[in-house]
PDB file of N, CA and C in Angstrom:
ATOM      1  N   UNK A   1     107.558 114.355-154.787  1.00  0.00           N
ATOM      2  CA  UNK A   1     108.447 115.434-155.144  1.00  0.00           C
ATOM      3  C   UNK A   1     108.652 115.381-156.653  1.00  0.00           C
ATOM      4  N   UNK A   2     108.478 116.513-157.263  1.00  0.00           N
ATOM      5  CA  UNK A   2     108.654 116.581-158.715  1.00  0.00           C
ATOM      6  C   UNK A   2     110.150 116.528-159.049  1.00  0.00           C
ATOM      7  N   UNK A   3     110.467 116.149-160.272  1.00  0.00           N
ATOM      8  CA  UNK A   3     111.880 116.146-160.676  1.00  0.00           C
ATOM      9  C   UNK A   3     112.530 117.525-160.527  1.00  0.00           C
ATOM     10  N   UNK A   4     111.755 118.571-160.775  1.00  0.00           N
ATOM     11  CA  UNK A   4     112.294 119.931-160.639  1.00  0.00           C
ATOM     12  C   UNK A   4     112.614 120.243-159.177  1.00  0.00           C
ATOM     13  N   UNK A   5     111.715 119.848-158.270  1.00  0.00           N
ATOM     14  CA  UNK A   5     111.952 120.067-156.843  1.00  0.00           C
ATOM     15  C   UNK A   5     113.158 119.265-156.358  1.00  0.00           C
ATOM     16  N   UNK A   6     113.270 118.048-156.862  1.00  0.00           N
ATOM     17  CA  UNK A   6     114.422 117.212-156.494  1.00  0.00           C
ATOM     18  C   UNK A   6     115.718 117.852-156.960  1.00  0.00           C
ATOM     19  N   UNK A   7     115.703 118.371-158.177  1.00  0.00           N
ATOM     20  CA  UNK A   7     116.902 119.024-158.721  1.00  0.00           C
ATOM     21  C   UNK A   7     117.268 120.249-157.895  1.00  0.00           C
ATOM     22  N   UNK A   8     116.281 121.032-157.514  1.00  0.00           N
ATOM     23  CA  UNK A   8     116.535 122.203-156.676  1.00  0.00           C
ATOM     24  C   UNK A   8     117.114 121.790-155.329  1.00  0.00           C
ATOM     25  N   UNK A   9     116.601 120.706-154.754  1.00  0.00           N
ATOM     26  CA  UNK A   9     117.122 120.224-153.470  1.00  0.00           C
ATOM     27  C   UNK A   9     118.568 119.755-153.618  1.00  0.00           C
ATOM     28  N   UNK A  10     118.868 119.070-154.711  1.00  0.00           N
ATOM     29  CA  UNK A  10     120.248 118.651-154.956  1.00  0.00           C
ATOM     30  C   UNK A  10     121.162 119.865-155.064  1.00  0.00           C
ATOM     31  N   UNK A  11     120.736 120.855-155.828  1.00  0.00           N
ATOM     32  CA  UNK A  11     121.542 122.066-155.991  1.00  0.00           C
ATOM     33  C   UNK A  11     121.730 122.786-154.662  1.00  0.00           C
ATOM     34  N   UNK A  12     120.683 122.828-153.848  1.00  0.00           N
ATOM     35  CA  UNK A  12     120.756 123.481-152.541  1.00  0.00           C
ATOM     36  C   UNK A  12     121.816 122.815-151.662  1.00  0.00           C
ATOM     37  N   UNK A  13     121.993 121.523-151.846  1.00  0.00           N
ATOM     38  CA  UNK A  13     122.985 120.787-151.059  1.00  0.00           C
ATOM     39  C   UNK A  13     124.332 120.676-151.772  1.00  0.00           C
ATOM     40  N   UNK A  14     124.460 121.318-152.915  1.00  0.00           N
ATOM     41  CA  UNK A  14     125.729 121.328-153.641  1.00  0.00           C
ATOM     42  C   UNK A  14     126.066 120.003-154.284  1.00  0.00           C
ATOM     43  N   UNK A  15     125.040 119.299-154.736  1.00  0.00           N
ATOM     44  CA  UNK A  15     125.233 117.991-155.344  1.00  0.00           C
ATOM     45  C   UNK A  15     124.668 117.955-156.755  1.00  0.00           C
ATOM     46  N   UNK A  16     125.283 117.134-157.580  1.00  0.00           N
ATOM     47  CA  UNK A  16     124.703 116.768-158.868  1.00  0.00           C
ATOM     48  C   UNK A  16     124.685 115.257-158.912  1.00  0.00           C
ATOM     49  N   UNK A  17     123.730 114.724-159.657  1.00  0.00           N
ATOM     50  CA  UNK A  17     123.614 113.272-159.752  1.00  0.00           C
ATOM     51  C   UNK A  17     124.170 112.813-161.082  1.00  0.00           C
ATOM     52  N   UNK A  18     125.136 111.945-161.015  1.00  0.00           N
ATOM     53  CA  UNK A  18     125.777 111.377-162.197  1.00  0.00           C
ATOM     54  C   UNK A  18     125.451 109.878-162.227  1.00  0.00           C
ATOM     55  N   UNK A  19     125.709 109.215-163.337  1.00  0.00           N
ATOM     56  CA  UNK A  19     125.443 107.771-163.397  1.00  0.00           C
ATOM     57  C   UNK A  19     126.180 106.971-162.306  1.00  0.00           C
ATOM     58  N   UNK A  20     127.341 107.445-161.888  1.00  0.00           N
ATOM     59  CA  UNK A  20     128.124 106.728-160.874  1.00  0.00           C
ATOM     60  C   UNK A  20     127.842 107.192-159.447  1.00  0.00           C
ATOM     61  N   UNK A  21     126.913 108.120-159.271  1.00  0.00           N
ATOM     62  CA  UNK A  21     126.582 108.593-157.929  1.00  0.00           C
ATOM     63  C   UNK A  21     126.548 110.112-157.864  1.00  0.00           C
ATOM     64  N   UNK A  22     126.620 110.625-156.646  1.00  0.00           N
ATOM     65  CA  UNK A  22     126.553 112.064-156.432  1.00  0.00           C
ATOM     66  C   UNK A  22     127.936 112.698-156.529  1.00  0.00           C
ATOM     67  N   UNK A  23     127.981 113.873-157.157  1.00  0.00           N
ATOM     68  CA  UNK A  23     129.215 114.647-157.293  1.00  0.00           C
ATOM     69  C   UNK A  23     129.021 115.939-156.511  1.00  0.00           C
ATOM     70  N   UNK A  24     130.043 116.316-155.776  1.00  0.00           N
ATOM     71  CA  UNK A  24     130.002 117.487-154.917  1.00  0.00           C
ATOM     72  C   UNK A  24     130.554 118.712-155.635  1.00  0.00           C
ATOM     73  N   UNK A  25     129.833 119.823-155.537  1.00  0.00           N
ATOM     74  CA  UNK A  25     130.318 121.086-156.095  1.00  0.00           C
ATOM     75  C   UNK A  25     131.149 121.812-155.034  1.00  0.00           C
ATOM     76  N   UNK A  26     131.800 122.878-155.444  1.00  0.00           N
ATOM     77  CA  UNK A  26     132.557 123.690-154.488  1.00  0.00           C
ATOM     78  C   UNK A  26     131.630 124.209-153.395  1.00  0.00           C
ATOM     79  N   UNK A  27     130.455 124.658-153.782  1.00  0.00           N
ATOM     80  CA  UNK A  27     129.465 125.144-152.805  1.00  0.00           C
ATOM     81  C   UNK A  27     129.110 124.036-151.808  1.00  0.00           C
ATOM     82  N   UNK A  28     128.931 122.828-152.301  1.00  0.00           N
ATOM     83  CA  UNK A  28     128.633 121.692-151.431  1.00  0.00           C
ATOM     84  C   UNK A  28     129.793 121.371-150.508  1.00  0.00           C
ATOM     85  N   UNK A  29     131.019 121.475-151.046  1.00  0.00           N
ATOM     86  CA  UNK A  29     132.198 121.235-150.215  1.00  0.00           C
ATOM     87  C   UNK A  29     132.253 122.243-149.074  1.00  0.00           C
ATOM     88  N   UNK A  30     132.009 123.502-149.391  1.00  0.00           N
ATOM     89  CA  UNK A  30     132.048 124.537-148.360  1.00  0.00           C
ATOM     90  C   UNK A  30     130.987 124.297-147.291  1.00  0.00           C
ATOM     91  N   UNK A  31     129.797 123.920-147.707  1.00  0.00           N
ATOM     92  CA  UNK A  31     128.728 123.621-146.747  1.00  0.00           C
ATOM     93  C   UNK A  31     129.093 122.401-145.902  1.00  0.00           C
ATOM     94  N   UNK A  32     129.648 121.388-146.533  1.00  0.00           N
ATOM     95  CA  UNK A  32     130.067 120.198-145.801  1.00  0.00           C
ATOM     96  C   UNK A  32     131.151 120.499-144.783  1.00  0.00           C
ATOM     97  N   UNK A  33     132.077 121.381-145.147  1.00  0.00           N
ATOM     98  CA  UNK A  33     133.142 121.750-144.215  1.00  0.00           C
ATOM     99  C   UNK A  33     132.606 122.575-143.040  1.00  0.00           C
ATOM    100  N   UNK A  34     131.593 123.398-143.294  1.00  0.00           N
ATOM    101  CA  UNK A  34     130.968 124.127-142.173  1.00  0.00           C
ATOM    102  C   UNK A  34     130.342 123.143-141.197  1.00  0.00           C
ATOM    103  N   UNK A  35     129.659 122.152-141.735  1.00  0.00           N
ATOM    104  CA  UNK A  35     129.056 121.126-140.884  1.00  0.00           C
ATOM    105  C   UNK A  35     130.136 120.334-140.162  1.00  0.00           C
ATOM    106  N   UNK A  36     131.219 120.002-140.861  1.00  0.00           N
ATOM    107  CA  UNK A  36     132.319 119.259-140.243  1.00  0.00           C
ATOM    108  C   UNK A  36     132.935 120.047-139.084  1.00  0.00           C
ATOM    109  N   UNK A  37     133.096 121.354-139.253  1.00  0.00           N
ATOM    110  CA  UNK A  37     133.636 122.175-138.160  1.00  0.00           C
ATOM    111  C   UNK A  37     132.687 122.177-136.965  1.00  0.00           C
ATOM    112  N   UNK A  38     131.390 122.225-137.232  1.00  0.00           N
ATOM    113  CA  UNK A  38     130.413 122.171-136.135  1.00  0.00           C
ATOM    114  C   UNK A  38     130.489 120.821-135.432  1.00  0.00           C
ATOM    115  N   UNK A  39     130.641 119.752-136.202  1.00  0.00           N
ATOM    116  CA  UNK A  39     130.774 118.413-135.609  1.00  0.00           C
ATOM    117  C   UNK A  39     132.054 118.308-134.782  1.00  0.00           C
ATOM    118  N   UNK A  40     133.138 118.864-135.320  1.00  0.00           N
ATOM    119  CA  UNK A  40     134.404 118.876-134.581  1.00  0.00           C
ATOM    120  C   UNK A  40     134.243 119.601-133.253  1.00  0.00           C
ATOM    121  N   UNK A  41     133.566 120.729-133.276  1.00  0.00           N
ATOM    122  CA  UNK A  41     133.360 121.513-132.062  1.00  0.00           C
ATOM    123  C   UNK A  41     132.514 120.759-131.034  1.00  0.00           C
ATOM    124  N   UNK A  42     131.725 119.796-131.522  1.00  0.00           N
ATOM    125  CA  UNK A  42     130.913 118.962-130.638  1.00  0.00           C
ATOM    126  C   UNK A  42     131.671 117.714-130.181  1.00  0.00           C
ATOM    127  N   UNK A  43     132.915 117.588-130.633  1.00  0.00           N
ATOM    128  CA  UNK A  43     133.755 116.472-130.208  1.00  0.00           C
ATOM    129  C   UNK A  43     133.733 115.253-131.109  1.00  0.00           C
ATOM    130  N   UNK A  44     133.176 115.365-132.301  1.00  0.00           N
ATOM    131  CA  UNK A  44     133.131 114.236-133.229  1.00  0.00           C
ATOM    132  C   UNK A  44     134.553 113.897-133.683  1.00  0.00           C
ATOM    133  N   UNK A  45     135.007 112.693-133.344  1.00  0.00           N
ATOM    134  CA  UNK A  45     136.391 112.299-133.634  1.00  0.00           C
ATOM    135  C   UNK A  45     136.685 112.184-135.122  1.00  0.00           C
ATOM    136  N   UNK A  46     135.715 111.707-135.890  1.00  0.00           N
ATOM    137  CA  UNK A  46     135.943 111.588-137.335  1.00  0.00           C
ATOM    138  C   UNK A  46     136.107 112.971-137.961  1.00  0.00           C
ATOM    139  N   UNK A  47     135.307 113.923-137.541  1.00  0.00           N
ATOM    140  CA  UNK A  47     135.441 115.290-138.054  1.00  0.00           C
ATOM    141  C   UNK A  47     136.791 115.872-137.668  1.00  0.00           C
ATOM    142  N   UNK A  48     137.252 115.597-136.471  1.00  0.00           N
ATOM    143  CA  UNK A  48     138.570 116.074-136.033  1.00  0.00           C
ATOM    144  C   UNK A  48     139.646 115.528-136.960  1.00  0.00           C
ATOM    145  N   UNK A  49     139.599 114.230-137.258  1.00  0.00           N
ATOM    146  CA  UNK A  49     140.600 113.604-138.139  1.00  0.00           C
ATOM    147  C   UNK A  49     140.530 114.165-139.559  1.00  0.00           C
ATOM    148  N   UNK A  50     139.338 114.315-140.078  1.00  0.00           N
ATOM    149  CA  UNK A  50     139.188 114.802-141.450  1.00  0.00           C
ATOM    150  C   UNK A  50     139.649 116.252-141.586  1.00  0.00           C
ATOM    151  N   UNK A  51     139.334 117.080-140.624  1.00  0.00           N
ATOM    152  CA  UNK A  51     139.738 118.482-140.696  1.00  0.00           C
ATOM    153  C   UNK A  51     141.228 118.670-140.446  1.00  0.00           C
ATOM    154  N   UNK A  52     141.876 117.672-139.874  1.00  0.00           N
ATOM    155  CA  UNK A  52     143.320 117.735-139.662  1.00  0.00           C
ATOM    156  C   UNK A  52     144.085 117.448-140.963  1.00  0.00           C
ATOM    157  N   UNK A  53     143.402 116.878-141.946  1.00  0.00           N
ATOM    158  CA  UNK A  53     144.038 116.585-143.230  1.00  0.00           C
ATOM    159  C   UNK A  53     144.281 117.877-144.003  1.00  0.00           C
ATOM    160  N   UNK A  54     145.239 117.821-144.920  1.00  0.00           N
ATOM    161  CA  UNK A  54     145.504 118.954-145.800  1.00  0.00           C
ATOM    162  C   UNK A  54     144.260 119.269-146.625  1.00  0.00           C
ATOM    163  N   UNK A  55     144.041 120.531-146.889  1.00  0.00           N
ATOM    164  CA  UNK A  55     142.847 120.960-147.628  1.00  0.00           C
ATOM    165  C   UNK A  55     142.750 120.326-149.009  1.00  0.00           C
ATOM    166  N   UNK A  56     143.872 119.938-149.584  1.00  0.00           N
ATOM    167  CA  UNK A  56     143.845 119.335-150.922  1.00  0.00           C
ATOM    168  C   UNK A  56     143.644 117.818-150.874  1.00  0.00           C
ATOM    169  N   UNK A  57     143.593 117.238-149.689  1.00  0.00           N
ATOM    170  CA  UNK A  57     143.443 115.788-149.563  1.00  0.00           C
ATOM    171  C   UNK A  57     142.054 115.359-150.057  1.00  0.00           C
ATOM    172  N   UNK A  58     141.999 114.392-150.980  1.00  0.00           N
ATOM    173  CA  UNK A  58     140.709 113.935-151.501  1.00  0.00           C
ATOM    174  C   UNK A  58     139.772 113.389-150.420  1.00  0.00           C
ATOM    175  N   UNK A  59     140.310 112.913-149.313  1.00  0.00           N
ATOM    176  CA  UNK A  59     139.451 112.409-148.240  1.00  0.00           C
ATOM    177  C   UNK A  59     138.594 113.511-147.629  1.00  0.00           C
ATOM    178  N   UNK A  60     139.113 114.744-147.598  1.00  0.00           N
ATOM    179  CA  UNK A  60     138.294 115.863-147.092  1.00  0.00           C
ATOM    180  C   UNK A  60     137.092 116.088-147.996  1.00  0.00           C
ATOM    181  N   UNK A  61     137.322 116.016-149.316  1.00  0.00           N
ATOM    182  CA  UNK A  61     136.208 116.168-150.256  1.00  0.00           C
ATOM    183  C   UNK A  61     135.209 115.036-150.089  1.00  0.00           C
ATOM    184  N   UNK A  62     135.704 113.822-149.907  1.00  0.00           N
ATOM    185  CA  UNK A  62     134.808 112.676-149.732  1.00  0.00           C
ATOM    186  C   UNK A  62     133.990 112.826-148.450  1.00  0.00           C
ATOM    187  N   UNK A  63     134.622 113.277-147.377  1.00  0.00           N
ATOM    188  CA  UNK A  63     133.921 113.495-146.112  1.00  0.00           C
ATOM    189  C   UNK A  63     132.819 114.542-146.300  1.00  0.00           C
ATOM    190  N   UNK A  64     133.137 115.639-146.975  1.00  0.00           N
ATOM    191  CA  UNK A  64     132.143 116.685-147.237  1.00  0.00           C
ATOM    192  C   UNK A  64     131.016 116.146-148.117  1.00  0.00           C
ATOM    193  N   UNK A  65     131.356 115.313-149.094  1.00  0.00           N
ATOM    194  CA  UNK A  65     130.337 114.719-149.975  1.00  0.00           C
ATOM    195  C   UNK A  65     129.382 113.846-149.183  1.00  0.00           C
ATOM    196  N   UNK A  66     129.924 113.047-148.290  1.00  0.00           N
ATOM    197  CA  UNK A  66     129.082 112.174-147.458  1.00  0.00           C
ATOM    198  C   UNK A  66     128.177 113.005-146.557  1.00  0.00           C
ATOM    199  N   UNK A  67     128.726 114.070-145.983  1.00  0.00           N
ATOM    200  CA  UNK A  67     127.921 114.955-145.136  1.00  0.00           C
ATOM    201  C   UNK A  67     126.768 115.534-145.950  1.00  0.00           C
ATOM    202  N   UNK A  68     127.044 115.995-147.156  1.00  0.00           N
ATOM    203  CA  UNK A  68     126.012 116.620-147.975  1.00  0.00           C
ATOM    204  C   UNK A  68     124.985 115.603-148.472  1.00  0.00           C
ATOM    205  N   UNK A  69     125.417 114.403-148.791  1.00  0.00           N
ATOM    206  CA  UNK A  69     124.469 113.356-149.183  1.00  0.00           C
ATOM    207  C   UNK A  69     123.551 113.051-148.002  1.00  0.00           C
ATOM    208  N   UNK A  70     124.118 112.973-146.822  1.00  0.00           N
ATOM    209  CA  UNK A  70     123.319 112.726-145.622  1.00  0.00           C
ATOM    210  C   UNK A  70     122.321 113.857-145.386  1.00  0.00           C
ATOM    211  N   UNK A  71     122.757 115.098-145.559  1.00  0.00           N
ATOM    212  CA  UNK A  71     121.866 116.247-145.383  1.00  0.00           C
ATOM    213  C   UNK A  71     120.746 116.224-146.426  1.00  0.00           C
ATOM    214  N   UNK A  72     121.080 115.895-147.657  1.00  0.00           N
ATOM    215  CA  UNK A  72     120.081 115.804-148.727  1.00  0.00           C
ATOM    216  C   UNK A  72     119.062 114.717-148.406  1.00  0.00           C
ATOM    217  N   UNK A  73     119.553 113.558-147.999  1.00  0.00           N
ATOM    218  CA  UNK A  73     118.670 112.440-147.676  1.00  0.00           C
ATOM    219  C   UNK A  73     117.750 112.792-146.500  1.00  0.00           C
ATOM    220  N   UNK A  74     118.290 113.422-145.480  1.00  0.00           N
ATOM    221  CA  UNK A  74     117.484 113.835-144.340  1.00  0.00           C
ATOM    222  C   UNK A  74     116.404 114.827-144.769  1.00  0.00           C
ATOM    223  N   UNK A  75     116.773 115.744-145.644  1.00  0.00           N
ATOM    224  CA  UNK A  75     115.833 116.733-146.138  1.00  0.00           C
ATOM    225  C   UNK A  75     114.671 116.045-146.863  1.00  0.00           C
ATOM    226  N   UNK A  76     114.983 115.099-147.721  1.00  0.00           N
ATOM    227  CA  UNK A  76     113.957 114.364-148.469  1.00  0.00           C
ATOM    228  C   UNK A  76     113.046 113.614-147.505  1.00  0.00           C
ATOM    229  N   UNK A  77     113.615 112.989-146.482  1.00  0.00           N
ATOM    230  CA  UNK A  77     112.821 112.223-145.522  1.00  0.00           C
ATOM    231  C   UNK A  77     111.924 113.146-144.702  1.00  0.00           C
ATOM    232  N   UNK A  78     112.434 114.325-144.336  1.00  0.00           N
ATOM    233  CA  UNK A  78     111.605 115.286-143.592  1.00  0.00           C
ATOM    234  C   UNK A  78     110.390 115.710-144.396  1.00  0.00           C
ATOM    235  N   UNK A  79     110.532 115.746-145.711  1.00  0.00           N
ATOM    236  CA  UNK A  79     109.414 116.102-146.561  1.00  0.00           C
ATOM    237  C   UNK A  79     108.414 114.946-146.712  1.00  0.00           C
ATOM    238  N   UNK A  80     108.813 113.789-146.182  1.00  0.00           N
ATOM    239  CA  UNK A  80     107.931 112.622-146.241  1.00  0.00           C
ATOM    240  C   UNK A  80     107.934 111.909-147.574  1.00  0.00           C
ATOM    241  N   UNK A  81     109.043 112.016-148.251  1.00  0.00           N
ATOM    242  CA  UNK A  81     109.151 111.402-149.582  1.00  0.00           C
ATOM    243  C   UNK A  81     109.950 110.121-149.494  1.00  0.00           C
TER     244      UNK A  81
END
């Protein structure tokens, strides 16, 4: 995967890469929350707990960030990289 393709994949997942790790954009947060709602609907207890938190709670952002990092990683692996 070229650096340009990697950057596009990061942007698609609402992530940027910083020296300290991945940072989630608003777009990434929204995508992560959509996934969290789908997980909640499937009975995922962690998603239920996270979505019960106030929208301004930093843990919700962290949960969405983890979801998006996982989605990005899965995407890269599906490409065989």
